[in-house]
């Protein structure tokens, strides 16, 4: 990551001005507010969503004006709850504004390539033990993605942490923008009539699935696969920590990619889209980060 963070400018106060992640999230807030204002009458929660964006923007701007340990921690970690709220917001907007559904089109693309529905075909290797393992892998997605930046934070490499926060926030928001473009719920709904039996695990399977279903609710979040995209980004970032962690993330990435199809959450075309988005961000994010950075963002912890 040195090629991203290297800079010859003299150090300045880390707390001065907006960081790249601030600018990305504020721009996203502005775009969503514009949509909600233009479509105010169509979105039942529009006033509440606009107010939340305003509160979030005020907190970000205020944090750039004050010093202190609490502000310092907030500035580094706030993107996590903020992008989580944006995920819930997108579910509301899609239901209110987008009436087209693309499950059939995505399933047709899969069938045209594989000459089968992958989630149905994978019933051939079904076993409760495999289902349990893959559901655990899928459920651990957020902790696994956040483990790399947490480890960097724990090692007090705050400059690297700020870049990781920027890249991961950008990754989450990029996937959210794909959802309204291609709203789809996934094979577990659209291909249920072709499945011969429901998936079953051993011990925690039902609890994990129920919990995830409750969190996602009526979300059309298949395309692109955020699980694939963010795991690839975390895998890429892991290389800066250690070769051992890099290898472990490689194995996890393979497992979660397989899990998304086996567990009937995604079409394979979703996975391809997620990988492509991740690759674009890996290549473009360093340039974007430097372009959005003020002097203090690239140097010094």
C-alpha atoms as a PDB file:
ATOM      1  CA  UNK A   1       0.000   0.000   0.000  1.00  0.00           C
ATOM      2  CA  UNK A   2       3.046   2.225   0.040  1.00  0.00           C
ATOM      3  CA  UNK A   3       2.421   3.384  -3.515  1.00  0.00           C
ATOM      4  CA  UNK A   4      -0.896   4.842  -2.363  1.00  0.00           C
ATOM      5  CA  UNK A   5       0.307   6.477   0.836  1.00  0.00           C
ATOM      6  CA  UNK A   6       3.756   7.662  -0.151  1.00  0.00           C
ATOM      7  CA  UNK A   7       4.023  11.445  -0.296  1.00  0.00           C
ATOM      8  CA  UNK A   8       6.867  13.932  -0.057  1.00  0.00           C
ATOM      9  CA  UNK A   9       4.873  16.726   1.567  1.00  0.00           C
ATOM     10  CA  UNK A  10       5.674  17.764   5.158  1.00  0.00           C
ATOM     11  CA  UNK A  11       3.376  16.381   7.869  1.00  0.00           C
ATOM     12  CA  UNK A  12       0.370  18.411   8.927  1.00  0.00           C
ATOM     13  CA  UNK A  13      -2.305  17.999  11.583  1.00  0.00           C
ATOM     14  CA  UNK A  14      -4.263  14.784  10.841  1.00  0.00           C
ATOM     15  CA  UNK A  15      -7.515  16.344  12.033  1.00  0.00           C
ATOM     16  CA  UNK A  16      -7.499  19.242   9.571  1.00  0.00           C
ATOM     17  CA  UNK A  17      -9.989  19.260   6.700  1.00  0.00           C
ATOM     18  CA  UNK A  18     -12.008  16.541   5.042  1.00  0.00           C
ATOM     19  CA  UNK A  19     -10.623  13.079   4.427  1.00  0.00           C
ATOM     20  CA  UNK A  20     -11.346  11.213   1.171  1.00  0.00           C
ATOM     21  CA  UNK A  21     -13.860   8.937   2.889  1.00  0.00           C
ATOM     22  CA  UNK A  22     -15.705  12.025   4.199  1.00  0.00           C
ATOM     23  CA  UNK A  23     -16.010  13.407   0.686  1.00  0.00           C
ATOM     24  CA  UNK A  24     -17.267  10.123  -0.754  1.00  0.00           C
ATOM     25  CA  UNK A  25     -19.918   9.669   1.933  1.00  0.00           C
ATOM     26  CA  UNK A  26     -21.021  13.309   1.792  1.00  0.00           C
ATOM     27  CA  UNK A  27     -21.340  13.068  -2.003  1.00  0.00           C
ATOM     28  CA  UNK A  28     -23.402   9.896  -1.611  1.00  0.00           C
ATOM     29  CA  UNK A  29     -25.629  11.615   0.961  1.00  0.00           C
ATOM     30  CA  UNK A  30     -26.145  14.561  -1.397  1.00  0.00           C
ATOM     31  CA  UNK A  31     -27.074  12.260  -4.287  1.00  0.00           C
ATOM     32  CA  UNK A  32     -29.569  10.297  -2.181  1.00  0.00           C
ATOM     33  CA  UNK A  33     -31.110  13.493  -0.805  1.00  0.00           C
ATOM     34  CA  UNK A  34     -31.551  14.783  -4.357  1.00  0.00           C
ATOM     35  CA  UNK A  35     -33.396  11.577  -5.295  1.00  0.00           C
ATOM     36  CA  UNK A  36     -35.561  11.731  -2.187  1.00  0.00           C
ATOM     37  CA  UNK A  37     -36.460  15.383  -2.736  1.00  0.00           C
ATOM     38  CA  UNK A  38     -37.333  14.804  -6.397  1.00  0.00           C
ATOM     39  CA  UNK A  39     -39.444  11.739  -5.551  1.00  0.00           C
ATOM     40  CA  UNK A  40     -40.694  12.969  -2.181  1.00  0.00           C
ATOM     41  CA  UNK A  41     -44.339  12.020  -2.741  1.00  0.00           C
ATOM     42  CA  UNK A  42     -43.422   8.461  -3.799  1.00  0.00           C
ATOM     43  CA  UNK A  43     -41.261   7.656  -0.765  1.00  0.00           C
ATOM     44  CA  UNK A  44     -43.228   7.328   2.486  1.00  0.00           C
ATOM     45  CA  UNK A  45     -40.105   7.748   4.630  1.00  0.00           C
ATOM     46  CA  UNK A  46     -38.563  10.545   2.520  1.00  0.00           C
ATOM     47  CA  UNK A  47     -38.631  13.236   5.224  1.00  0.00           C
ATOM     48  CA  UNK A  48     -37.077  10.892   7.760  1.00  0.00           C
ATOM     49  CA  UNK A  49     -34.354   9.765   5.333  1.00  0.00           C
ATOM     50  CA  UNK A  50     -33.471  13.351   4.381  1.00  0.00           C
ATOM     51  CA  UNK A  51     -33.279  14.285   8.064  1.00  0.00           C
ATOM     52  CA  UNK A  52     -30.954  11.351   8.783  1.00  0.00           C
ATOM     53  CA  UNK A  53     -28.689  12.384   5.915  1.00  0.00           C
ATOM     54  CA  UNK A  54     -28.607  15.900   7.327  1.00  0.00           C
ATOM     55  CA  UNK A  55     -27.706  14.656  10.808  1.00  0.00           C
ATOM     56  CA  UNK A  56     -24.987  12.421   9.388  1.00  0.00           C
ATOM     57  CA  UNK A  57     -23.541  15.261   7.313  1.00  0.00           C
ATOM     58  CA  UNK A  58     -23.529  17.584  10.330  1.00  0.00           C
ATOM     59  CA  UNK A  59     -21.648  14.983  12.380  1.00  0.00           C
ATOM     60  CA  UNK A  60     -19.036  14.534   9.657  1.00  0.00           C
ATOM     61  CA  UNK A  61     -18.536  18.272   9.186  1.00  0.00           C
ATOM     62  CA  UNK A  62     -18.422  18.880  12.950  1.00  0.00           C
ATOM     63  CA  UNK A  63     -15.796  16.162  13.370  1.00  0.00           C
ATOM     64  CA  UNK A  64     -13.484  18.041  10.991  1.00  0.00           C
ATOM     65  CA  UNK A  65     -13.674  21.107  13.248  1.00  0.00           C
ATOM     66  CA  UNK A  66     -12.875  19.585  16.636  1.00  0.00           C
ATOM     67  CA  UNK A  67     -10.056  17.614  18.206  1.00  0.00           C
ATOM     68  CA  UNK A  68     -10.119  15.042  20.981  1.00  0.00           C
ATOM     69  CA  UNK A  69      -9.834  11.299  21.431  1.00  0.00           C
ATOM     70  CA  UNK A  70     -13.550  10.612  20.897  1.00  0.00           C
ATOM     71  CA  UNK A  71     -13.607  12.680  17.698  1.00  0.00           C
ATOM     72  CA  UNK A  72     -10.448  10.944  16.505  1.00  0.00           C
ATOM     73  CA  UNK A  73     -11.998   7.487  16.984  1.00  0.00           C
ATOM     74  CA  UNK A  74     -15.282   8.614  15.417  1.00  0.00           C
ATOM     75  CA  UNK A  75     -13.550   9.958  12.316  1.00  0.00           C
ATOM     76  CA  UNK A  76     -11.844   6.655  11.682  1.00  0.00           C
ATOM     77  CA  UNK A  77     -14.749   4.305  12.422  1.00  0.00           C
ATOM     78  CA  UNK A  78     -17.951   6.166  11.540  1.00  0.00           C
ATOM     79  CA  UNK A  79     -18.123   4.842   7.936  1.00  0.00           C
ATOM     80  CA  UNK A  80     -19.165   1.419   9.297  1.00  0.00           C
ATOM     81  CA  UNK A  81     -22.525   2.410  10.863  1.00  0.00           C
ATOM     82  CA  UNK A  82     -23.090   5.029   8.185  1.00  0.00           C
ATOM     83  CA  UNK A  83     -22.830   2.604   5.250  1.00  0.00           C
ATOM     84  CA  UNK A  84     -24.968   0.116   7.195  1.00  0.00           C
ATOM     85  CA  UNK A  85     -27.729   2.731   7.357  1.00  0.00           C
ATOM     86  CA  UNK A  86     -27.300   3.370   3.637  1.00  0.00           C
ATOM     87  CA  UNK A  87     -27.946  -0.338   3.013  1.00  0.00           C
ATOM     88  CA  UNK A  88     -31.315  -0.150   4.764  1.00  0.00           C
ATOM     89  CA  UNK A  89     -32.138   3.086   2.942  1.00  0.00           C
ATOM     90  CA  UNK A  90     -31.601   1.483  -0.453  1.00  0.00           C
ATOM     91  CA  UNK A  91     -34.147  -1.219   0.378  1.00  0.00           C
ATOM     92  CA  UNK A  92     -36.735   1.501   1.034  1.00  0.00           C
ATOM     93  CA  UNK A  93     -35.924   3.373  -2.174  1.00  0.00           C
ATOM     94  CA  UNK A  94     -36.047   0.307  -4.407  1.00  0.00           C
ATOM     95  CA  UNK A  95     -39.462  -0.766  -3.139  1.00  0.00           C
ATOM     96  CA  UNK A  96     -40.815   2.778  -3.559  1.00  0.00           C
ATOM     97  CA  UNK A  97     -39.254   3.741  -6.881  1.00  0.00           C
ATOM     98  CA  UNK A  98     -38.305   0.632  -8.848  1.00  0.00           C
ATOM     99  CA  UNK A  99     -41.032  -1.738  -9.959  1.00  0.00           C
ATOM    100  CA  UNK A 100     -39.086  -3.757 -12.517  1.00  0.00           C
ATOM    101  CA  UNK A 101     -37.515  -7.000 -11.302  1.00  0.00           C
ATOM    102  CA  UNK A 102     -34.617  -8.754 -12.999  1.00  0.00           C
ATOM    103  CA  UNK A 103     -34.484 -12.179 -11.361  1.00  0.00           C
ATOM    104  CA  UNK A 104     -35.687 -13.914 -14.499  1.00  0.00           C
ATOM    105  CA  UNK A 105     -33.130 -12.115 -16.678  1.00  0.00           C
ATOM    106  CA  UNK A 106     -30.280 -13.020 -14.309  1.00  0.00           C
ATOM    107  CA  UNK A 107     -31.464 -16.634 -14.070  1.00  0.00           C
ATOM    108  CA  UNK A 108     -31.659 -16.797 -17.871  1.00  0.00           C
ATOM    109  CA  UNK A 109     -28.079 -15.554 -18.183  1.00  0.00           C
ATOM    110  CA  UNK A 110     -26.927 -18.230 -15.757  1.00  0.00           C
ATOM    111  CA  UNK A 111     -28.850 -20.928 -17.607  1.00  0.00           C
ATOM    112  CA  UNK A 112     -27.525 -19.794 -20.979  1.00  0.00           C
ATOM    113  CA  UNK A 113     -23.946 -20.142 -19.745  1.00  0.00           C
ATOM    114  CA  UNK A 114     -24.198 -23.268 -17.545  1.00  0.00           C
ATOM    115  CA  UNK A 115     -27.125 -24.994 -19.309  1.00  0.00           C
ATOM    116  CA  UNK A 116     -28.545 -25.455 -15.810  1.00  0.00           C
ATOM    117  CA  UNK A 117     -29.586 -23.413 -12.821  1.00  0.00           C
ATOM    118  CA  UNK A 118     -26.450 -23.534 -10.641  1.00  0.00           C
ATOM    119  CA  UNK A 119     -28.277 -23.390  -7.294  1.00  0.00           C
ATOM    120  CA  UNK A 120     -30.505 -26.282  -8.390  1.00  0.00           C
ATOM    121  CA  UNK A 121     -27.641 -28.307  -9.879  1.00  0.00           C
ATOM    122  CA  UNK A 122     -25.682 -27.996  -6.607  1.00  0.00           C
ATOM    123  CA  UNK A 123     -28.311 -30.066  -4.820  1.00  0.00           C
ATOM    124  CA  UNK A 124     -26.267 -33.027  -6.085  1.00  0.00           C
ATOM    125  CA  UNK A 125     -23.616 -32.322  -3.436  1.00  0.00           C
ATOM    126  CA  UNK A 126     -26.026 -31.214  -0.709  1.00  0.00           C
ATOM    127  CA  UNK A 127     -25.278 -32.270   2.861  1.00  0.00           C
ATOM    128  CA  UNK A 128     -26.307 -30.755   6.218  1.00  0.00           C
ATOM    129  CA  UNK A 129     -22.664 -30.483   7.287  1.00  0.00           C
ATOM    130  CA  UNK A 130     -21.705 -28.586   4.135  1.00  0.00           C
ATOM    131  CA  UNK A 131     -24.744 -26.326   4.502  1.00  0.00           C
ATOM    132  CA  UNK A 132     -23.792 -25.551   8.102  1.00  0.00           C
ATOM    133  CA  UNK A 133     -20.189 -24.735   7.160  1.00  0.00           C
ATOM    134  CA  UNK A 134     -21.131 -22.506   4.232  1.00  0.00           C
ATOM    135  CA  UNK A 135     -23.805 -20.670   6.220  1.00  0.00           C
ATOM    136  CA  UNK A 136     -21.206 -19.891   8.889  1.00  0.00           C
ATOM    137  CA  UNK A 137     -18.862 -18.615   6.179  1.00  0.00           C
ATOM    138  CA  UNK A 138     -21.616 -16.443   4.720  1.00  0.00           C
ATOM    139  CA  UNK A 139     -22.740 -15.102   8.120  1.00  0.00           C
ATOM    140  CA  UNK A 140     -19.191 -14.123   9.114  1.00  0.00           C
ATOM    141  CA  UNK A 141     -18.907 -11.819   6.089  1.00  0.00           C
ATOM    142  CA  UNK A 142     -18.907  -8.482   7.951  1.00  0.00           C
ATOM    143  CA  UNK A 143     -16.483  -9.534  10.746  1.00  0.00           C
ATOM    144  CA  UNK A 144     -14.119 -11.041   8.172  1.00  0.00           C
ATOM    145  CA  UNK A 145     -14.169  -7.933   5.958  1.00  0.00           C
ATOM    146  CA  UNK A 146     -13.551  -5.657   8.954  1.00  0.00           C
ATOM    147  CA  UNK A 147     -10.844  -7.830  10.517  1.00  0.00           C
ATOM    148  CA  UNK A 148      -8.064  -6.510   8.267  1.00  0.00           C
ATOM    149  CA  UNK A 149      -8.670  -2.813   9.057  1.00  0.00           C
ATOM    150  CA  UNK A 150      -9.157  -3.692  12.745  1.00  0.00           C
ATOM    151  CA  UNK A 151      -5.789  -5.464  12.772  1.00  0.00           C
ATOM    152  CA  UNK A 152      -4.126  -2.471  11.101  1.00  0.00           C
ATOM    153  CA  UNK A 153      -5.808  -0.185  13.659  1.00  0.00           C
ATOM    154  CA  UNK A 154      -4.573  -2.411  16.491  1.00  0.00           C
ATOM    155  CA  UNK A 155      -1.035  -2.047  15.126  1.00  0.00           C
ATOM    156  CA  UNK A 156      -1.503   1.767  15.128  1.00  0.00           C
ATOM    157  CA  UNK A 157      -0.988   2.071  11.365  1.00  0.00           C
ATOM    158  CA  UNK A 158      -3.588   4.794  11.087  1.00  0.00           C
ATOM    159  CA  UNK A 159      -2.577   6.057   7.665  1.00  0.00           C
ATOM    160  CA  UNK A 160      -3.128   2.598   6.184  1.00  0.00           C
ATOM    161  CA  UNK A 161      -6.361   2.291   8.141  1.00  0.00           C
ATOM    162  CA  UNK A 162      -7.729   5.493   6.590  1.00  0.00           C
ATOM    163  CA  UNK A 163      -7.098   4.173   3.103  1.00  0.00           C
ATOM    164  CA  UNK A 164      -8.717   0.834   3.950  1.00  0.00           C
ATOM    165  CA  UNK A 165     -11.768   2.623   5.370  1.00  0.00           C
ATOM    166  CA  UNK A 166     -11.983   4.652   2.178  1.00  0.00           C
ATOM    167  CA  UNK A 167     -11.742   1.620  -0.115  1.00  0.00           C
ATOM    168  CA  UNK A 168     -14.238  -0.486   1.839  1.00  0.00           C
ATOM    169  CA  UNK A 169     -16.743   2.382   2.167  1.00  0.00           C
ATOM    170  CA  UNK A 170     -16.412   2.976  -1.561  1.00  0.00           C
ATOM    171  CA  UNK A 171     -16.981  -0.738  -2.139  1.00  0.00           C
ATOM    172  CA  UNK A 172     -20.151  -0.879  -0.060  1.00  0.00           C
ATOM    173  CA  UNK A 173     -21.618   2.252  -1.645  1.00  0.00           C
ATOM    174  CA  UNK A 174     -20.754   1.090  -5.169  1.00  0.00           C
ATOM    175  CA  UNK A 175     -22.645  -2.157  -4.593  1.00  0.00           C
ATOM    176  CA  UNK A 176     -25.646  -0.241  -3.236  1.00  0.00           C
ATOM    177  CA  UNK A 177     -25.850   1.787  -6.431  1.00  0.00           C
ATOM    178  CA  UNK A 178     -26.083  -1.428  -8.422  1.00  0.00           C
ATOM    179  CA  UNK A 179     -29.158  -2.658  -6.561  1.00  0.00           C
ATOM    180  CA  UNK A 180     -31.672  -0.148  -7.999  1.00  0.00           C
ATOM    181  CA  UNK A 181     -30.197  -0.574 -11.484  1.00  0.00           C
ATOM    182  CA  UNK A 182     -30.854  -4.338 -11.451  1.00  0.00           C
ATOM    183  CA  UNK A 183     -33.306  -5.119  -8.615  1.00  0.00           C
ATOM    184  CA  UNK A 184     -33.339  -8.842  -7.850  1.00  0.00           C
ATOM    185  CA  UNK A 185     -33.934 -11.007  -4.780  1.00  0.00           C
ATOM    186  CA  UNK A 186     -32.067 -14.166  -5.702  1.00  0.00           C
ATOM    187  CA  UNK A 187     -32.560 -17.851  -6.561  1.00  0.00           C
ATOM    188  CA  UNK A 188     -33.937 -18.745  -3.114  1.00  0.00           C
ATOM    189  CA  UNK A 189     -37.089 -16.871  -4.160  1.00  0.00           C
ATOM    190  CA  UNK A 190     -37.210 -16.980  -7.957  1.00  0.00           C
ATOM    191  CA  UNK A 191     -36.117 -20.621  -8.363  1.00  0.00           C
ATOM    192  CA  UNK A 192     -37.766 -22.071  -5.258  1.00  0.00           C
ATOM    193  CA  UNK A 193     -40.198 -24.074  -7.394  1.00  0.00           C
ATOM    194  CA  UNK A 194     -37.295 -25.899  -9.039  1.00  0.00           C
ATOM    195  CA  UNK A 195     -35.515 -26.861  -5.810  1.00  0.00           C
ATOM    196  CA  UNK A 196     -36.303 -30.368  -4.631  1.00  0.00           C
ATOM    197  CA  UNK A 197     -35.844 -29.755  -0.916  1.00  0.00           C
ATOM    198  CA  UNK A 198     -35.079 -26.878   1.470  1.00  0.00           C
ATOM    199  CA  UNK A 199     -31.557 -26.536   2.761  1.00  0.00           C
ATOM    200  CA  UNK A 200     -30.917 -27.867   6.241  1.00  0.00           C
ATOM    201  CA  UNK A 201     -27.900 -27.658   8.517  1.00  0.00           C
ATOM    202  CA  UNK A 202     -26.853 -29.153  11.826  1.00  0.00           C
ATOM    203  CA  UNK A 203     -27.014 -26.755  14.762  1.00  0.00           C
ATOM    204  CA  UNK A 204     -26.964 -23.015  13.976  1.00  0.00           C
ATOM    205  CA  UNK A 205     -28.092 -23.065  10.363  1.00  0.00           C
ATOM    206  CA  UNK A 206     -31.744 -22.128  10.919  1.00  0.00           C
ATOM    207  CA  UNK A 207     -30.881 -19.386  13.415  1.00  0.00           C
ATOM    208  CA  UNK A 208     -28.296 -17.827  11.085  1.00  0.00           C
ATOM    209  CA  UNK A 209     -30.621 -17.870   8.075  1.00  0.00           C
ATOM    210  CA  UNK A 210     -33.522 -16.444  10.054  1.00  0.00           C
ATOM    211  CA  UNK A 211     -31.361 -13.661  11.471  1.00  0.00           C
ATOM    212  CA  UNK A 212     -30.002 -12.693   8.051  1.00  0.00           C
ATOM    213  CA  UNK A 213     -33.477 -12.781   6.521  1.00  0.00           C
ATOM    214  CA  UNK A 214     -34.725 -10.466   9.240  1.00  0.00           C
ATOM    215  CA  UNK A 215     -31.854  -8.026   8.682  1.00  0.00           C
ATOM    216  CA  UNK A 216     -32.260  -8.001   4.906  1.00  0.00           C
ATOM    217  CA  UNK A 217     -36.073  -8.121   4.887  1.00  0.00           C
ATOM    218  CA  UNK A 218     -37.518  -6.994   1.532  1.00  0.00           C
ATOM    219  CA  UNK A 219     -34.180  -6.132  -0.034  1.00  0.00           C
ATOM    220  CA  UNK A 220     -33.350  -6.499  -3.719  1.00  0.00           C
ATOM    221  CA  UNK A 221     -29.611  -6.772  -3.216  1.00  0.00           C
ATOM    222  CA  UNK A 222     -28.371  -9.467  -5.582  1.00  0.00           C
ATOM    223  CA  UNK A 223     -26.607  -7.531  -8.314  1.00  0.00           C
ATOM    224  CA  UNK A 224     -23.721  -7.066  -7.907  1.00  0.00           C
ATOM    225  CA  UNK A 225     -22.836  -9.506  -5.148  1.00  0.00           C
ATOM    226  CA  UNK A 226     -21.604  -7.312  -2.305  1.00  0.00           C
ATOM    227  CA  UNK A 227     -20.373 -10.396  -0.448  1.00  0.00           C
ATOM    228  CA  UNK A 228     -18.123 -11.257  -3.365  1.00  0.00           C
ATOM    229  CA  UNK A 229     -16.989  -7.697  -4.042  1.00  0.00           C
ATOM    230  CA  UNK A 230     -16.140  -6.785  -0.428  1.00  0.00           C
ATOM    231  CA  UNK A 231     -14.471 -10.109   0.294  1.00  0.00           C
ATOM    232  CA  UNK A 232     -12.230  -9.658  -2.751  1.00  0.00           C
ATOM    233  CA  UNK A 233     -11.352  -6.151  -1.502  1.00  0.00           C
ATOM    234  CA  UNK A 234     -10.568  -7.492   1.988  1.00  0.00           C
ATOM    235  CA  UNK A 235      -8.493 -10.285   0.435  1.00  0.00           C
ATOM    236  CA  UNK A 236      -6.566  -7.682  -1.564  1.00  0.00           C
ATOM    237  CA  UNK A 237      -5.975  -5.502   1.500  1.00  0.00           C
ATOM    238  CA  UNK A 238      -4.829  -8.517   3.504  1.00  0.00           C
ATOM    239  CA  UNK A 239      -1.661  -8.724   1.463  1.00  0.00           C
ATOM    240  CA  UNK A 240      -0.338  -5.630   3.256  1.00  0.00           C
ATOM    241  CA  UNK A 241      -0.661  -7.342   6.640  1.00  0.00           C
ATOM    242  CA  UNK A 242       0.991 -10.728   6.124  1.00  0.00           C
ATOM    243  CA  UNK A 243       1.357 -13.483   3.552  1.00  0.00           C
ATOM    244  CA  UNK A 244      -0.321 -15.922   5.926  1.00  0.00           C
ATOM    245  CA  UNK A 245      -3.396 -13.714   6.273  1.00  0.00           C
ATOM    246  CA  UNK A 246      -3.417 -13.206   2.510  1.00  0.00           C
ATOM    247  CA  UNK A 247      -3.553 -16.979   1.973  1.00  0.00           C
ATOM    248  CA  UNK A 248      -6.279 -17.403   4.604  1.00  0.00           C
ATOM    249  CA  UNK A 249      -8.374 -14.714   2.925  1.00  0.00           C
ATOM    250  CA  UNK A 250      -7.877 -16.403  -0.420  1.00  0.00           C
ATOM    251  CA  UNK A 251      -9.416 -19.593   0.980  1.00  0.00           C
ATOM    252  CA  UNK A 252     -12.229 -17.646   2.622  1.00  0.00           C
ATOM    253  CA  UNK A 253     -12.938 -15.815  -0.633  1.00  0.00           C
ATOM    254  CA  UNK A 254     -13.276 -19.105  -2.523  1.00  0.00           C
ATOM    255  CA  UNK A 255     -15.570 -20.440   0.204  1.00  0.00           C
ATOM    256  CA  UNK A 256     -17.890 -17.439   0.297  1.00  0.00           C
ATOM    257  CA  UNK A 257     -18.144 -17.249  -3.498  1.00  0.00           C
ATOM    258  CA  UNK A 258     -19.248 -20.874  -3.519  1.00  0.00           C
ATOM    259  CA  UNK A 259     -21.545 -20.304  -0.514  1.00  0.00           C
ATOM    260  CA  UNK A 260     -23.498 -17.524  -2.216  1.00  0.00           C
ATOM    261  CA  UNK A 261     -24.634 -19.920  -4.949  1.00  0.00           C
ATOM    262  CA  UNK A 262     -24.944 -23.109  -2.880  1.00  0.00           C
ATOM    263  CA  UNK A 263     -27.090 -21.295  -0.280  1.00  0.00           C
ATOM    264  CA  UNK A 264     -29.246 -19.858  -3.117  1.00  0.00           C
ATOM    265  CA  UNK A 265     -28.516 -16.210  -2.336  1.00  0.00           C
ATOM    266  CA  UNK A 266     -26.992 -15.292  -5.709  1.00  0.00           C
ATOM    267  CA  UNK A 267     -26.850 -16.066  -9.390  1.00  0.00           C
ATOM    268  CA  UNK A 268     -23.359 -16.629 -10.778  1.00  0.00           C
ATOM    269  CA  UNK A 269     -23.678 -13.495 -12.920  1.00  0.00           C
ATOM    270  CA  UNK A 270     -23.952 -11.551  -9.632  1.00  0.00           C
ATOM    271  CA  UNK A 271     -20.603 -12.973  -8.571  1.00  0.00           C
ATOM    272  CA  UNK A 272     -18.962 -11.979 -11.844  1.00  0.00           C
ATOM    273  CA  UNK A 273     -20.319  -8.444 -11.452  1.00  0.00           C
ATOM    274  CA  UNK A 274     -19.016  -8.315  -7.869  1.00  0.00           C
ATOM    275  CA  UNK A 275     -15.526  -9.393  -8.944  1.00  0.00           C
ATOM    276  CA  UNK A 276     -15.476  -6.848 -11.777  1.00  0.00           C
ATOM    277  CA  UNK A 277     -16.549  -4.010  -9.456  1.00  0.00           C
ATOM    278  CA  UNK A 278     -13.842  -5.038  -6.973  1.00  0.00           C
ATOM    279  CA  UNK A 279     -11.167  -5.061  -9.683  1.00  0.00           C
ATOM    280  CA  UNK A 280     -12.233  -1.618 -10.937  1.00  0.00           C
ATOM    281  CA  UNK A 281     -12.051  -0.225  -7.393  1.00  0.00           C
ATOM    282  CA  UNK A 282      -8.670  -1.832  -6.706  1.00  0.00           C
ATOM    283  CA  UNK A 283      -7.278  -0.107  -9.804  1.00  0.00           C
ATOM    284  CA  UNK A 284      -9.116   3.208  -9.503  1.00  0.00           C
ATOM    285  CA  UNK A 285      -9.202   3.787  -5.736  1.00  0.00           C
ATOM    286  CA  UNK A 286      -5.509   4.810  -5.335  1.00  0.00           C
ATOM    287  CA  UNK A 287      -5.888   7.515  -7.985  1.00  0.00           C
ATOM    288  CA  UNK A 288      -9.206   8.655  -6.543  1.00  0.00           C
ATOM    289  CA  UNK A 289      -7.822   8.642  -3.002  1.00  0.00           C
ATOM    290  CA  UNK A 290      -4.883  10.834  -3.922  1.00  0.00           C
ATOM    291  CA  UNK A 291      -7.128  13.148  -5.897  1.00  0.00           C
ATOM    292  CA  UNK A 292      -9.518  13.595  -2.965  1.00  0.00           C
ATOM    293  CA  UNK A 293      -6.805  13.864  -0.319  1.00  0.00           C
ATOM    294  CA  UNK A 294      -5.667  16.968   1.418  1.00  0.00           C
ATOM    295  CA  UNK A 295      -2.022  17.054   2.408  1.00  0.00           C
ATOM    296  CA  UNK A 296      -2.447  15.433   5.798  1.00  0.00           C
ATOM    297  CA  UNK A 297      -4.351  12.431   4.516  1.00  0.00           C
ATOM    298  CA  UNK A 298      -1.415  10.750   2.796  1.00  0.00           C
ATOM    299  CA  UNK A 299       1.251  11.060   5.421  1.00  0.00           C
ATOM    300  CA  UNK A 300       1.760  10.635   9.108  1.00  0.00           C
ATOM    301  CA  UNK A 301      -0.347   8.854  11.721  1.00  0.00           C
END
